[in-house]
Amino acid sequence: MSERPYVTLSCAMSIDGYLDSAEPHRLAMSNAADLDRVDDVRALHDAIMVGASTVRRDNPRLLVRDAARRARRLASGRRESPAKVTVTASGDLAPDAAFFTTGEGTRIVYCPRDREAELRRRLGDRATVVGIGDDCVMMAALLDDLAGHRGVRSLMVEGGGTVLTQFLGADLVDELHLVIAPFFVGEARAPRVVGPAAFPWTASRRARLADTSQIGDVVLLRYALSDRFGMLDDQSADAGRVAAEIP
C-alpha cells in the first residue's frame, strides 16, 4: 500500500467558530491577502478536496488563480491546477457545477458503492467516480485510493464542516491552517467548523501550534498535527526561489 497523501486542512472561521452564515449568500471570512496565501498553498498540492455540500452551496472552481503559480506548476510537469476531489453520500451533484466544468485537471468523486453506477451515468466523462464502502465513504479509505490509484501525494482539504470533522476525528491531518475572522456570526443554524467527534487532541493531548501570522485583519494559526508536519515546506521554498528568478 502506498503511503497516504500528506493532508493540509485549511479553513476560515468567525470568532465564535462558524464557517458561514445561515443565509443563502456566502459570507466572506477572509480577505484578499489571505485568499492569495490560500492560492499559494493550493499550488503546492496534488489535489484539492471539498465535500458535496460545499460544491452545492458555494459552487467553487477550485483552481489556482495566479498565472505565475500556474506557470510554475506547468514547468514542473504538473497541470495548471491540482486535481479536484469531492465526496458524496447521497449522490446529489449537478453535472453543470463549476467543480466539473472549469479547469482541465482530473476530477474525482467518491461515493458509497450503491451510488456509483448512477453517478457515473449522470456525470459521464466529467469525473472519475469511485465507489467505496457500503453506507458511507471513510476518509482513510479515500486517502488510500488517492495514493494507491491516483498518484496523489498531497491533498488540501477545504471543507465543509462534515468533511473537516471526519478528517480531524480520524486523525488523518498533518497540518491545520485555521484563519480567524474579526467578527461573530451568532446564528444557531449557521454551519460550524466541526461537529461532535472523538477528536485526538484533548486537554491532555494538546495540538502543537507551529506558527501564527497576522494577515491584514485576520489571523492565521498553523498547527502541526502529525510527525510529518512540514513536508511541503521545501517545495514552498523552491517555488519562492523560482519566483524570485523570474524577471
Protein backbone atom coordinates (compact mmCIF):
# COMPACT_ATOMS: atom_id res chain seq x y z
CA MET A 1 0.00 0.00 0.00
CA SER A 2 1.29 3.48 -0.86
CA GLU A 3 1.87 5.98 1.93
CA ARG A 4 -1.19 8.13 2.47
CA PRO A 5 -1.07 11.63 0.99
CA TYR A 6 0.16 14.50 3.11
CA VAL A 7 -3.02 16.28 4.25
CA THR A 8 -3.31 20.01 4.81
CA LEU A 9 -6.66 21.09 6.22
CA SER A 10 -7.48 24.75 5.51
CA CYS A 11 -10.46 26.73 6.77
CA ALA A 12 -11.54 30.18 7.94
CA MET A 13 -13.99 30.79 10.76
CA SER A 14 -15.60 33.58 12.73
CA ILE A 15 -14.53 34.34 16.29
CA ASP A 16 -17.42 32.19 17.52
CA GLY A 17 -16.48 29.20 15.36
CA TYR A 18 -18.76 29.40 12.32
CA LEU A 19 -17.76 28.64 8.73
CA ASP A 20 -20.51 30.71 7.18
CA SER A 21 -23.82 32.42 7.74
CA ALA A 22 -27.12 30.57 7.53
CA GLU A 23 -28.16 32.94 4.74
CA PRO A 24 -28.09 31.67 1.12
CA HIS A 25 -25.28 34.02 0.07
CA ARG A 26 -21.76 33.11 1.09
CA LEU A 27 -20.25 35.08 3.98
CA ALA A 28 -16.62 36.02 3.27
CA MET A 29 -14.49 35.09 6.28
CA SER A 30 -11.14 36.02 4.77
CA ASN A 31 -9.58 38.97 2.95
CA ALA A 32 -7.78 39.39 -0.37
CA ALA A 33 -4.29 38.89 1.06
CA ASP A 34 -5.28 35.67 2.80
CA LEU A 35 -7.06 34.36 -0.28
CA ASP A 36 -3.81 34.89 -2.17
CA ARG A 37 -2.00 32.88 0.52
CA VAL A 38 -4.56 30.08 0.11
CA ASP A 39 -3.95 30.17 -3.64
CA ASP A 40 -0.23 29.71 -2.96
CA VAL A 41 -0.91 26.73 -0.70
CA ARG A 42 -3.23 25.22 -3.31
CA ALA A 43 -0.46 25.41 -5.89
CA LEU A 44 1.77 23.21 -3.72
CA HIS A 45 -0.67 20.29 -3.57
CA ASP A 46 -1.52 17.47 -5.95
CA ALA A 47 -5.25 17.62 -5.18
CA ILE A 48 -7.87 19.83 -3.51
CA MET A 49 -10.92 18.40 -1.75
CA VAL A 50 -14.29 19.75 -0.63
CA GLY A 51 -17.47 17.97 0.36
CA ALA A 52 -20.52 17.74 -1.87
CA SER A 53 -22.43 20.22 0.30
CA THR A 54 -19.74 22.82 -0.44
CA VAL A 55 -20.00 22.06 -4.16
CA ARG A 56 -23.76 22.63 -3.97
CA ARG A 57 -23.73 25.71 -1.72
CA ASP A 58 -20.63 27.63 -2.87
CA ASN A 59 -20.14 26.29 -6.42
CA PRO A 60 -16.33 26.57 -6.09
CA ARG A 61 -14.00 26.41 -9.09
CA LEU A 62 -11.03 25.10 -7.04
CA LEU A 63 -8.40 26.43 -9.43
CA VAL A 64 -5.02 28.08 -8.91
CA ARG A 65 -5.77 31.71 -9.75
CA ASP A 66 -2.33 33.30 -10.04
CA ALA A 67 -0.81 33.00 -13.53
CA ALA A 68 2.77 32.74 -12.27
CA ARG A 69 1.87 29.88 -9.96
CA ARG A 70 0.11 28.08 -12.78
CA ALA A 71 3.19 28.57 -14.96
CA ARG A 72 5.46 27.12 -12.28
CA ARG A 73 3.24 24.07 -11.99
CA LEU A 74 3.36 23.55 -15.76
CA ALA A 75 7.15 23.97 -15.76
CA SER A 76 7.40 21.24 -13.12
CA GLY A 77 5.42 18.81 -15.27
CA ARG A 78 2.10 19.19 -13.49
CA ARG A 79 -1.24 20.57 -14.64
CA GLU A 80 -2.04 24.24 -14.02
CA SER A 81 -4.24 23.36 -11.05
CA PRO A 82 -4.42 20.39 -8.69
CA ALA A 83 -6.87 17.56 -9.22
CA LYS A 84 -10.32 18.18 -7.71
CA VAL A 85 -11.82 15.72 -5.23
CA THR A 86 -15.24 15.58 -3.63
CA VAL A 87 -17.22 13.04 -1.62
CA THR A 88 -20.96 12.50 -1.51
CA ALA A 89 -23.23 10.16 0.43
CA SER A 90 -26.41 10.98 -1.47
CA GLY A 91 -25.02 11.33 -4.99
CA ASP A 92 -26.67 14.75 -5.26
CA LEU A 93 -24.21 16.54 -7.55
CA ALA A 94 -25.12 18.63 -10.60
CA PRO A 95 -23.05 17.92 -13.75
CA ASP A 96 -23.02 21.65 -14.58
CA ALA A 97 -21.40 22.68 -11.27
CA ALA A 98 -18.18 24.67 -11.64
CA PHE A 99 -16.35 21.77 -9.97
CA PHE A 100 -16.96 19.76 -13.15
CA THR A 101 -16.96 22.44 -15.84
CA THR A 102 -13.95 24.66 -15.05
CA GLY A 103 -10.29 23.79 -15.49
CA GLU A 104 -8.63 20.96 -17.37
CA GLY A 105 -7.50 18.82 -14.44
CA THR A 106 -8.67 15.49 -13.07
CA ARG A 107 -11.97 15.41 -11.15
CA ILE A 108 -12.67 12.55 -8.74
CA VAL A 109 -15.95 11.84 -6.96
CA TYR A 110 -16.09 9.34 -4.08
CA CYS A 111 -19.40 7.82 -3.06
CA PRO A 112 -20.85 4.65 -1.48
CA ARG A 113 -20.81 1.70 -3.85
CA ASP A 114 -24.59 1.70 -4.33
CA ARG A 115 -24.44 5.24 -5.74
CA GLU A 116 -21.56 4.60 -8.12
CA ALA A 117 -23.44 3.43 -11.21
CA GLU A 118 -25.99 6.27 -11.13
CA LEU A 119 -23.31 8.92 -10.60
CA ARG A 120 -21.24 7.55 -13.47
CA ARG A 121 -24.27 7.70 -15.72
CA ARG A 122 -25.10 11.27 -14.71
CA LEU A 123 -21.59 12.72 -14.75
CA GLY A 124 -20.29 10.88 -17.79
CA ASP A 125 -16.73 11.83 -18.67
CA ARG A 126 -16.74 14.92 -16.45
CA ALA A 127 -15.35 12.97 -13.49
CA THR A 128 -13.95 9.67 -12.34
CA VAL A 129 -16.47 8.13 -9.93
CA VAL A 130 -15.12 5.77 -7.27
CA GLY A 131 -17.40 3.70 -5.05
CA ILE A 132 -16.01 2.96 -1.58
CA GLY A 133 -17.90 1.49 1.36
CA ASP A 134 -21.46 0.30 1.72
CA ASP A 135 -23.12 3.18 3.55
CA CYS A 136 -20.55 5.95 3.72
CA VAL A 137 -17.06 6.78 2.49
CA MET A 138 -14.37 6.55 5.15
CA MET A 139 -11.69 9.18 4.74
CA ALA A 140 -8.87 6.70 5.41
CA ALA A 141 -10.07 4.55 2.51
CA LEU A 142 -10.36 7.64 0.31
CA LEU A 143 -6.75 8.60 1.08
CA ASP A 144 -5.56 5.07 0.37
CA ASP A 145 -7.25 5.18 -3.04
CA LEU A 146 -5.80 8.61 -3.86
CA ALA A 147 -2.31 7.40 -3.06
CA GLY A 148 -2.53 3.90 -4.48
CA HIS A 149 -4.54 4.53 -7.66
CA ARG A 150 -4.48 8.28 -8.46
CA GLY A 151 -0.84 9.19 -7.76
CA VAL A 152 -1.80 11.87 -5.22
CA ARG A 153 0.94 12.58 -2.68
CA SER A 154 -0.52 15.71 -1.10
CA LEU A 155 -4.13 16.75 -0.50
CA MET A 156 -5.53 20.12 0.59
CA VAL A 157 -8.92 19.80 2.29
CA GLU A 158 -11.01 22.99 2.28
CA GLY A 159 -14.35 21.96 3.82
CA GLY A 160 -17.12 21.90 4.63
CA GLY A 161 -17.70 21.15 8.29
CA THR A 162 -18.68 17.50 7.87
CA VAL A 163 -15.55 16.69 5.89
CA LEU A 164 -13.34 18.66 8.27
CA THR A 165 -14.82 16.75 11.20
CA GLN A 166 -14.25 13.40 9.50
CA PHE A 167 -10.59 14.09 8.76
CA LEU A 168 -9.81 15.55 12.16
CA GLY A 169 -11.77 12.92 14.09
CA ALA A 170 -9.93 10.13 12.27
CA ASP A 171 -6.51 11.74 12.99
CA LEU A 172 -5.69 11.99 9.27
CA VAL A 173 -4.48 15.61 9.14
CA ASP A 174 -0.79 16.53 9.03
CA GLU A 175 -1.21 20.27 9.31
CA LEU A 176 -4.11 22.61 10.01
CA HIS A 177 -4.39 26.16 8.69
CA LEU A 178 -7.03 27.94 10.74
CA VAL A 179 -7.87 31.55 9.90
CA ILE A 180 -9.85 33.63 12.41
CA ALA A 181 -12.05 36.40 11.01
CA PRO A 182 -12.58 39.51 13.16
CA PHE A 183 -16.31 39.17 13.72
CA PHE A 184 -19.05 36.98 15.20
CA VAL A 185 -21.85 35.18 13.33
CA GLY A 186 -24.09 34.20 16.22
CA GLU A 187 -26.67 32.25 14.17
CA ALA A 188 -27.90 28.94 15.57
CA ARG A 189 -28.49 27.50 12.09
CA ALA A 190 -25.14 28.57 10.65
CA PRO A 191 -22.59 25.82 9.85
CA ARG A 192 -19.87 25.25 12.42
CA VAL A 193 -16.25 24.43 11.60
CA VAL A 194 -16.60 20.97 13.15
CA GLY A 195 -19.33 18.88 14.65
CA PRO A 196 -19.22 16.46 17.58
CA ALA A 197 -16.49 13.80 17.33
CA ALA A 198 -13.90 11.95 19.40
CA PHE A 199 -11.01 14.21 18.40
CA PRO A 200 -7.46 13.03 19.14
CA TRP A 201 -6.45 16.43 20.54
CA THR A 202 -7.78 16.99 24.02
CA ALA A 203 -6.83 18.86 27.18
CA SER A 204 -4.33 16.09 27.88
CA ARG A 205 -3.06 15.87 24.27
CA ARG A 206 -2.75 19.40 23.01
CA ALA A 207 -2.18 20.20 19.35
CA ARG A 208 1.15 21.91 18.65
CA LEU A 209 0.88 25.49 17.43
CA ALA A 210 3.70 25.80 14.89
CA ASP A 211 3.20 29.35 13.67
CA THR A 212 0.95 32.42 13.85
CA SER A 213 0.64 35.20 11.29
CA GLN A 214 -1.41 38.38 11.10
CA ILE A 215 -2.69 38.87 7.56
CA GLY A 216 -4.45 42.21 7.44
CA ASP A 217 -7.45 41.91 9.74
CA VAL A 218 -7.34 38.10 10.07
CA VAL A 219 -5.02 35.79 11.97
CA LEU A 220 -3.60 32.51 10.65
CA LEU A 221 -2.88 29.72 13.14
CA ARG A 222 -0.80 26.87 11.73
CA TYR A 223 -0.94 23.65 13.76
CA ALA A 224 1.34 20.63 13.44
CA LEU A 225 -0.92 17.59 13.80
CA SER A 226 1.48 14.79 12.86
CA ASP A 227 5.17 13.96 12.83
CA ARG A 228 5.12 14.53 9.05
CA PHE A 229 4.40 18.23 9.55
CA GLY A 230 6.37 20.50 7.22
CA MET A 231 6.88 18.02 4.38
CA LEU A 232 5.78 20.62 1.83
CA ASP A 233 7.94 23.44 3.21
CA ASP A 234 10.89 22.62 0.96
CA GLN A 235 8.59 22.64 -2.06
CA SER A 236 7.28 26.04 -0.99
CA ALA A 237 10.82 27.38 -0.62
CA ASP A 238 11.76 26.08 -4.07
CA ALA A 239 8.70 27.80 -5.58
CA GLY A 240 9.75 31.04 -3.89
CA ARG A 241 13.25 30.83 -5.35
CA VAL A 242 11.90 30.19 -8.84
CA ALA A 243 9.52 33.15 -8.49
CA ALA A 244 12.40 35.40 -7.44
CA GLU A 245 14.34 34.43 -10.57
CA ILE A 246 11.53 35.36 -12.94
CA PRO A 247 12.24 38.86 -14.34
